[in-house]
């Protein structure tokens, strides 16, 4: 498999059929889904993973990649771009570290920095954005640490556990990325 990005401990490469078993485990984990997406955090059926992968095939408007351990080539998470508008140079970024024992170890920071560099320098994006739910405090700290700026709030956007939660919009301009890494 061709690696797209090669970092210190991680590499980022395309998702393929061999990853489906691991992805099915994550997409059947309600806790993973609770933090990964703003869609209902319900356990999905086995065809859902195929549907997700098919959504990312044969288009230049979205890309999904695997975050892998360099030593063992183990799939640790997913990362990518969605809603790319090439004429405006904008995209939304997403990330999810699959197994709980891999979370909180700096892997997300490393993967995001690699993808931001790729997005701004290879795809020449002007702006990269992301959405995050208000209760995902760990992710919010991470996004702010790597240089994202809170741009807005979708008030009471998600209903979970009998409570309405806000969803925040974060963004980063290419010029802000350049200043942040220097």
C-alpha atoms as a PDB file:
ATOM      1  CA  UNK A   1       0.000   0.000   0.000  1.00  0.00           C
ATOM      2  CA  UNK A   2       1.367   3.402  -0.972  1.00  0.00           C
ATOM      3  CA  UNK A   3       1.860   5.738   1.975  1.00  0.00           C
ATOM      4  CA  UNK A   4       0.717   9.271   1.334  1.00  0.00           C
ATOM      5  CA  UNK A   5       2.363  10.816   4.390  1.00  0.00           C
ATOM      6  CA  UNK A   6       5.210   9.554   6.520  1.00  0.00           C
ATOM      7  CA  UNK A   7       5.672  10.935  10.043  1.00  0.00           C
ATOM      8  CA  UNK A   8       7.753  10.150  13.096  1.00  0.00           C
ATOM      9  CA  UNK A   9       5.558   7.383  14.532  1.00  0.00           C
ATOM     10  CA  UNK A  10       2.682   7.370  12.062  1.00  0.00           C
ATOM     11  CA  UNK A  11       1.985   7.062   8.399  1.00  0.00           C
ATOM     12  CA  UNK A  12      -1.140   8.019   6.533  1.00  0.00           C
ATOM     13  CA  UNK A  13      -2.248   5.851   3.645  1.00  0.00           C
ATOM     14  CA  UNK A  14      -5.396   4.946   1.730  1.00  0.00           C
ATOM     15  CA  UNK A  15      -8.044   2.755   3.337  1.00  0.00           C
ATOM     16  CA  UNK A  16      -8.495  -0.591   1.606  1.00  0.00           C
ATOM     17  CA  UNK A  17     -10.550  -3.778   1.918  1.00  0.00           C
ATOM     18  CA  UNK A  18      -8.173  -5.261   4.506  1.00  0.00           C
ATOM     19  CA  UNK A  19      -9.164  -2.464   6.899  1.00  0.00           C
ATOM     20  CA  UNK A  20     -12.874  -3.323   6.835  1.00  0.00           C
ATOM     21  CA  UNK A  21     -12.769  -5.685   9.837  1.00  0.00           C
ATOM     22  CA  UNK A  22     -11.236  -3.029  12.088  1.00  0.00           C
ATOM     23  CA  UNK A  23     -13.532  -0.323  10.734  1.00  0.00           C
ATOM     24  CA  UNK A  24     -16.573  -2.515  11.426  1.00  0.00           C
ATOM     25  CA  UNK A  25     -15.470  -2.800  15.060  1.00  0.00           C
ATOM     26  CA  UNK A  26     -15.226   0.984  15.371  1.00  0.00           C
ATOM     27  CA  UNK A  27     -18.506   1.674  13.590  1.00  0.00           C
ATOM     28  CA  UNK A  28     -20.219  -0.820  15.902  1.00  0.00           C
ATOM     29  CA  UNK A  29     -18.825   0.959  18.973  1.00  0.00           C
ATOM     30  CA  UNK A  30     -21.401   3.468  20.219  1.00  0.00           C
ATOM     31  CA  UNK A  31     -18.780   5.317  22.288  1.00  0.00           C
ATOM     32  CA  UNK A  32     -16.531   5.815  19.245  1.00  0.00           C
ATOM     33  CA  UNK A  33     -19.477   7.073  17.197  1.00  0.00           C
ATOM     34  CA  UNK A  34     -20.541   9.418  20.001  1.00  0.00           C
ATOM     35  CA  UNK A  35     -17.344  11.423  19.553  1.00  0.00           C
ATOM     36  CA  UNK A  36     -16.628  10.743  15.888  1.00  0.00           C
ATOM     37  CA  UNK A  37     -19.707  12.224  14.281  1.00  0.00           C
ATOM     38  CA  UNK A  38     -22.689  14.444  14.901  1.00  0.00           C
ATOM     39  CA  UNK A  39     -25.029  11.897  13.334  1.00  0.00           C
ATOM     40  CA  UNK A  40     -26.942   9.679  15.759  1.00  0.00           C
ATOM     41  CA  UNK A  41     -24.527   7.565  17.790  1.00  0.00           C
ATOM     42  CA  UNK A  42     -26.227   4.285  17.073  1.00  0.00           C
ATOM     43  CA  UNK A  43     -24.512   0.999  16.472  1.00  0.00           C
ATOM     44  CA  UNK A  44     -24.432   0.419  12.738  1.00  0.00           C
ATOM     45  CA  UNK A  45     -24.896  -2.713  10.718  1.00  0.00           C
ATOM     46  CA  UNK A  46     -22.087  -4.378   8.782  1.00  0.00           C
ATOM     47  CA  UNK A  47     -23.039  -2.802   5.460  1.00  0.00           C
ATOM     48  CA  UNK A  48     -22.523   0.689   6.938  1.00  0.00           C
ATOM     49  CA  UNK A  49     -18.736   0.423   6.607  1.00  0.00           C
ATOM     50  CA  UNK A  50     -19.070  -0.466   2.925  1.00  0.00           C
ATOM     51  CA  UNK A  51     -21.417   2.500   2.511  1.00  0.00           C
ATOM     52  CA  UNK A  52     -18.876   4.833   4.131  1.00  0.00           C
ATOM     53  CA  UNK A  53     -16.025   3.560   1.956  1.00  0.00           C
ATOM     54  CA  UNK A  54     -18.166   3.767  -1.189  1.00  0.00           C
ATOM     55  CA  UNK A  55     -19.018   7.381  -0.315  1.00  0.00           C
ATOM     56  CA  UNK A  56     -15.306   8.250  -0.563  1.00  0.00           C
ATOM     57  CA  UNK A  57     -14.578   6.385  -3.807  1.00  0.00           C
ATOM     58  CA  UNK A  58     -14.301   7.920  -7.264  1.00  0.00           C
ATOM     59  CA  UNK A  59     -14.602  11.551  -6.253  1.00  0.00           C
ATOM     60  CA  UNK A  60     -12.253  14.450  -5.700  1.00  0.00           C
ATOM     61  CA  UNK A  61     -14.630  16.129  -3.240  1.00  0.00           C
ATOM     62  CA  UNK A  62     -13.620  13.948  -0.284  1.00  0.00           C
ATOM     63  CA  UNK A  63     -10.792  11.669   0.803  1.00  0.00           C
ATOM     64  CA  UNK A  64     -10.499   9.175   3.659  1.00  0.00           C
ATOM     65  CA  UNK A  65      -7.147   7.835   4.850  1.00  0.00           C
ATOM     66  CA  UNK A  66      -5.963   5.392   7.451  1.00  0.00           C
ATOM     67  CA  UNK A  67      -3.753   6.490  10.337  1.00  0.00           C
ATOM     68  CA  UNK A  68      -1.255   3.667  10.823  1.00  0.00           C
ATOM     69  CA  UNK A  69       1.471   2.756  13.259  1.00  0.00           C
ATOM     70  CA  UNK A  70       4.749   2.887  11.335  1.00  0.00           C
ATOM     71  CA  UNK A  71       6.298  -0.161  12.985  1.00  0.00           C
ATOM     72  CA  UNK A  72       3.407  -2.622  12.809  1.00  0.00           C
ATOM     73  CA  UNK A  73       1.308  -1.056  10.024  1.00  0.00           C
ATOM     74  CA  UNK A  74      -1.690  -1.350  12.383  1.00  0.00           C
ATOM     75  CA  UNK A  75      -4.750   0.786  11.593  1.00  0.00           C
ATOM     76  CA  UNK A  76      -5.154   3.239  14.493  1.00  0.00           C
ATOM     77  CA  UNK A  77      -7.707   5.652  13.095  1.00  0.00           C
ATOM     78  CA  UNK A  78      -9.146   7.480  10.135  1.00  0.00           C
ATOM     79  CA  UNK A  79      -8.562  11.012   8.919  1.00  0.00           C
ATOM     80  CA  UNK A  80      -9.441  12.938   5.823  1.00  0.00           C
ATOM     81  CA  UNK A  81     -11.139  15.760   4.006  1.00  0.00           C
ATOM     82  CA  UNK A  82     -14.795  16.166   3.155  1.00  0.00           C
ATOM     83  CA  UNK A  83     -16.892  18.802   1.372  1.00  0.00           C
ATOM     84  CA  UNK A  84     -13.945  20.024  -0.694  1.00  0.00           C
ATOM     85  CA  UNK A  85     -14.718  23.089  -2.795  1.00  0.00           C
ATOM     86  CA  UNK A  86     -11.739  23.322  -5.140  1.00  0.00           C
ATOM     87  CA  UNK A  87     -12.767  26.680  -6.631  1.00  0.00           C
ATOM     88  CA  UNK A  88     -12.705  28.249  -3.162  1.00  0.00           C
ATOM     89  CA  UNK A  89      -9.812  26.192  -1.813  1.00  0.00           C
ATOM     90  CA  UNK A  90     -11.770  25.004   1.224  1.00  0.00           C
ATOM     91  CA  UNK A  91     -12.368  21.660   2.891  1.00  0.00           C
ATOM     92  CA  UNK A  92     -13.637  20.131   6.102  1.00  0.00           C
ATOM     93  CA  UNK A  93     -11.297  17.858   8.028  1.00  0.00           C
ATOM     94  CA  UNK A  94     -12.259  14.870  10.178  1.00  0.00           C
ATOM     95  CA  UNK A  95     -10.380  12.457  12.427  1.00  0.00           C
ATOM     96  CA  UNK A  96     -11.177   9.494  14.637  1.00  0.00           C
ATOM     97  CA  UNK A  97      -8.761   7.356  16.680  1.00  0.00           C
ATOM     98  CA  UNK A  98     -10.452   3.967  16.874  1.00  0.00           C
ATOM     99  CA  UNK A  99      -9.317   2.141  19.987  1.00  0.00           C
ATOM    100  CA  UNK A 100      -9.527   3.818  23.388  1.00  0.00           C
ATOM    101  CA  UNK A 101      -6.048   2.594  24.370  1.00  0.00           C
ATOM    102  CA  UNK A 102      -4.591   4.608  21.455  1.00  0.00           C
ATOM    103  CA  UNK A 103      -6.347   7.830  22.467  1.00  0.00           C
ATOM    104  CA  UNK A 104      -4.627  10.532  24.512  1.00  0.00           C
ATOM    105  CA  UNK A 105      -1.129   9.575  23.324  1.00  0.00           C
ATOM    106  CA  UNK A 106      -0.505  12.429  20.896  1.00  0.00           C
ATOM    107  CA  UNK A 107      -1.357  10.388  17.809  1.00  0.00           C
ATOM    108  CA  UNK A 108      -4.182  12.741  16.864  1.00  0.00           C
ATOM    109  CA  UNK A 109      -1.877  15.752  17.115  1.00  0.00           C
ATOM    110  CA  UNK A 110       0.705  14.132  14.871  1.00  0.00           C
ATOM    111  CA  UNK A 111      -1.878  12.934  12.329  1.00  0.00           C
ATOM    112  CA  UNK A 112      -3.659  16.301  12.168  1.00  0.00           C
ATOM    113  CA  UNK A 113      -0.390  18.173  11.665  1.00  0.00           C
ATOM    114  CA  UNK A 114       0.525  15.788   8.849  1.00  0.00           C
ATOM    115  CA  UNK A 115      -2.862  16.212   7.167  1.00  0.00           C
ATOM    116  CA  UNK A 116      -2.873  20.001   7.567  1.00  0.00           C
ATOM    117  CA  UNK A 117       0.553  20.173   5.947  1.00  0.00           C
ATOM    118  CA  UNK A 118      -0.715  17.983   3.107  1.00  0.00           C
ATOM    119  CA  UNK A 119      -3.907  20.004   2.690  1.00  0.00           C
ATOM    120  CA  UNK A 120      -2.235  23.389   2.662  1.00  0.00           C
ATOM    121  CA  UNK A 121       0.892  22.459   0.698  1.00  0.00           C
ATOM    122  CA  UNK A 122      -0.179  19.663  -1.668  1.00  0.00           C
ATOM    123  CA  UNK A 123      -3.849  20.508  -2.233  1.00  0.00           C
ATOM    124  CA  UNK A 124      -3.166  24.235  -1.816  1.00  0.00           C
ATOM    125  CA  UNK A 125      -6.243  24.758   0.350  1.00  0.00           C
ATOM    126  CA  UNK A 126      -6.846  28.297   1.533  1.00  0.00           C
ATOM    127  CA  UNK A 127      -8.908  27.191   4.528  1.00  0.00           C
ATOM    128  CA  UNK A 128      -9.566  23.969   6.423  1.00  0.00           C
ATOM    129  CA  UNK A 129     -12.541  23.691   8.766  1.00  0.00           C
ATOM    130  CA  UNK A 130     -13.997  21.120  11.134  1.00  0.00           C
ATOM    131  CA  UNK A 131     -17.021  20.551  13.331  1.00  0.00           C
ATOM    132  CA  UNK A 132     -16.858  19.331  16.928  1.00  0.00           C
ATOM    133  CA  UNK A 133     -19.539  18.685  19.531  1.00  0.00           C
ATOM    134  CA  UNK A 134     -19.404  20.776  22.695  1.00  0.00           C
ATOM    135  CA  UNK A 135     -18.949  17.752  24.982  1.00  0.00           C
ATOM    136  CA  UNK A 136     -15.844  16.564  23.114  1.00  0.00           C
ATOM    137  CA  UNK A 137     -13.534  18.641  25.285  1.00  0.00           C
ATOM    138  CA  UNK A 138     -10.411  16.603  24.539  1.00  0.00           C
ATOM    139  CA  UNK A 139     -10.829  17.165  20.798  1.00  0.00           C
ATOM    140  CA  UNK A 140     -11.492  20.884  21.294  1.00  0.00           C
ATOM    141  CA  UNK A 141      -8.217  21.246  23.229  1.00  0.00           C
ATOM    142  CA  UNK A 142      -6.389  19.353  20.482  1.00  0.00           C
ATOM    143  CA  UNK A 143      -7.836  21.472  17.681  1.00  0.00           C
ATOM    144  CA  UNK A 144      -6.984  24.708  19.468  1.00  0.00           C
ATOM    145  CA  UNK A 145      -3.477  23.402  20.246  1.00  0.00           C
ATOM    146  CA  UNK A 146      -2.738  22.781  16.564  1.00  0.00           C
ATOM    147  CA  UNK A 147      -4.010  26.256  15.630  1.00  0.00           C
ATOM    148  CA  UNK A 148      -7.711  26.017  14.783  1.00  0.00           C
ATOM    149  CA  UNK A 149      -9.840  29.037  15.708  1.00  0.00           C
ATOM    150  CA  UNK A 150     -13.446  28.792  16.854  1.00  0.00           C
ATOM    151  CA  UNK A 151     -15.563  30.531  14.217  1.00  0.00           C
ATOM    152  CA  UNK A 152     -19.112  29.777  15.219  1.00  0.00           C
ATOM    153  CA  UNK A 153     -21.691  27.777  17.103  1.00  0.00           C
ATOM    154  CA  UNK A 154     -24.550  25.693  15.801  1.00  0.00           C
ATOM    155  CA  UNK A 155     -26.757  26.089  18.851  1.00  0.00           C
ATOM    156  CA  UNK A 156     -28.493  23.007  20.246  1.00  0.00           C
ATOM    157  CA  UNK A 157     -27.577  21.111  17.079  1.00  0.00           C
ATOM    158  CA  UNK A 158     -27.447  17.557  18.427  1.00  0.00           C
ATOM    159  CA  UNK A 159     -29.821  15.687  20.708  1.00  0.00           C
ATOM    160  CA  UNK A 160     -28.083  12.968  22.734  1.00  0.00           C
ATOM    161  CA  UNK A 161     -28.884  11.334  26.047  1.00  0.00           C
ATOM    162  CA  UNK A 162     -31.933  13.556  26.494  1.00  0.00           C
ATOM    163  CA  UNK A 163     -29.839  16.738  26.190  1.00  0.00           C
ATOM    164  CA  UNK A 164     -29.351  19.232  23.364  1.00  0.00           C
ATOM    165  CA  UNK A 165     -25.706  20.026  22.605  1.00  0.00           C
ATOM    166  CA  UNK A 166     -24.084  22.754  20.553  1.00  0.00           C
ATOM    167  CA  UNK A 167     -21.759  21.958  17.682  1.00  0.00           C
ATOM    168  CA  UNK A 168     -18.803  24.267  17.115  1.00  0.00           C
ATOM    169  CA  UNK A 169     -17.273  25.306  13.814  1.00  0.00           C
ATOM    170  CA  UNK A 170     -13.495  25.697  13.812  1.00  0.00           C
ATOM    171  CA  UNK A 171     -11.320  26.924  10.955  1.00  0.00           C
ATOM    172  CA  UNK A 172      -7.739  27.581   9.999  1.00  0.00           C
ATOM    173  CA  UNK A 173      -6.411  29.698   7.145  1.00  0.00           C
ATOM    174  CA  UNK A 174      -3.255  28.744   5.277  1.00  0.00           C
ATOM    175  CA  UNK A 175      -1.566  31.910   6.591  1.00  0.00           C
ATOM    176  CA  UNK A 176      -2.455  30.910  10.173  1.00  0.00           C
ATOM    177  CA  UNK A 177      -0.997  27.442   9.595  1.00  0.00           C
ATOM    178  CA  UNK A 178       2.254  28.961   8.319  1.00  0.00           C
ATOM    179  CA  UNK A 179       2.461  31.240  11.373  1.00  0.00           C
ATOM    180  CA  UNK A 180       1.618  28.370  13.725  1.00  0.00           C
ATOM    181  CA  UNK A 181       4.377  26.050  12.472  1.00  0.00           C
ATOM    182  CA  UNK A 182       7.071  28.755  12.525  1.00  0.00           C
END
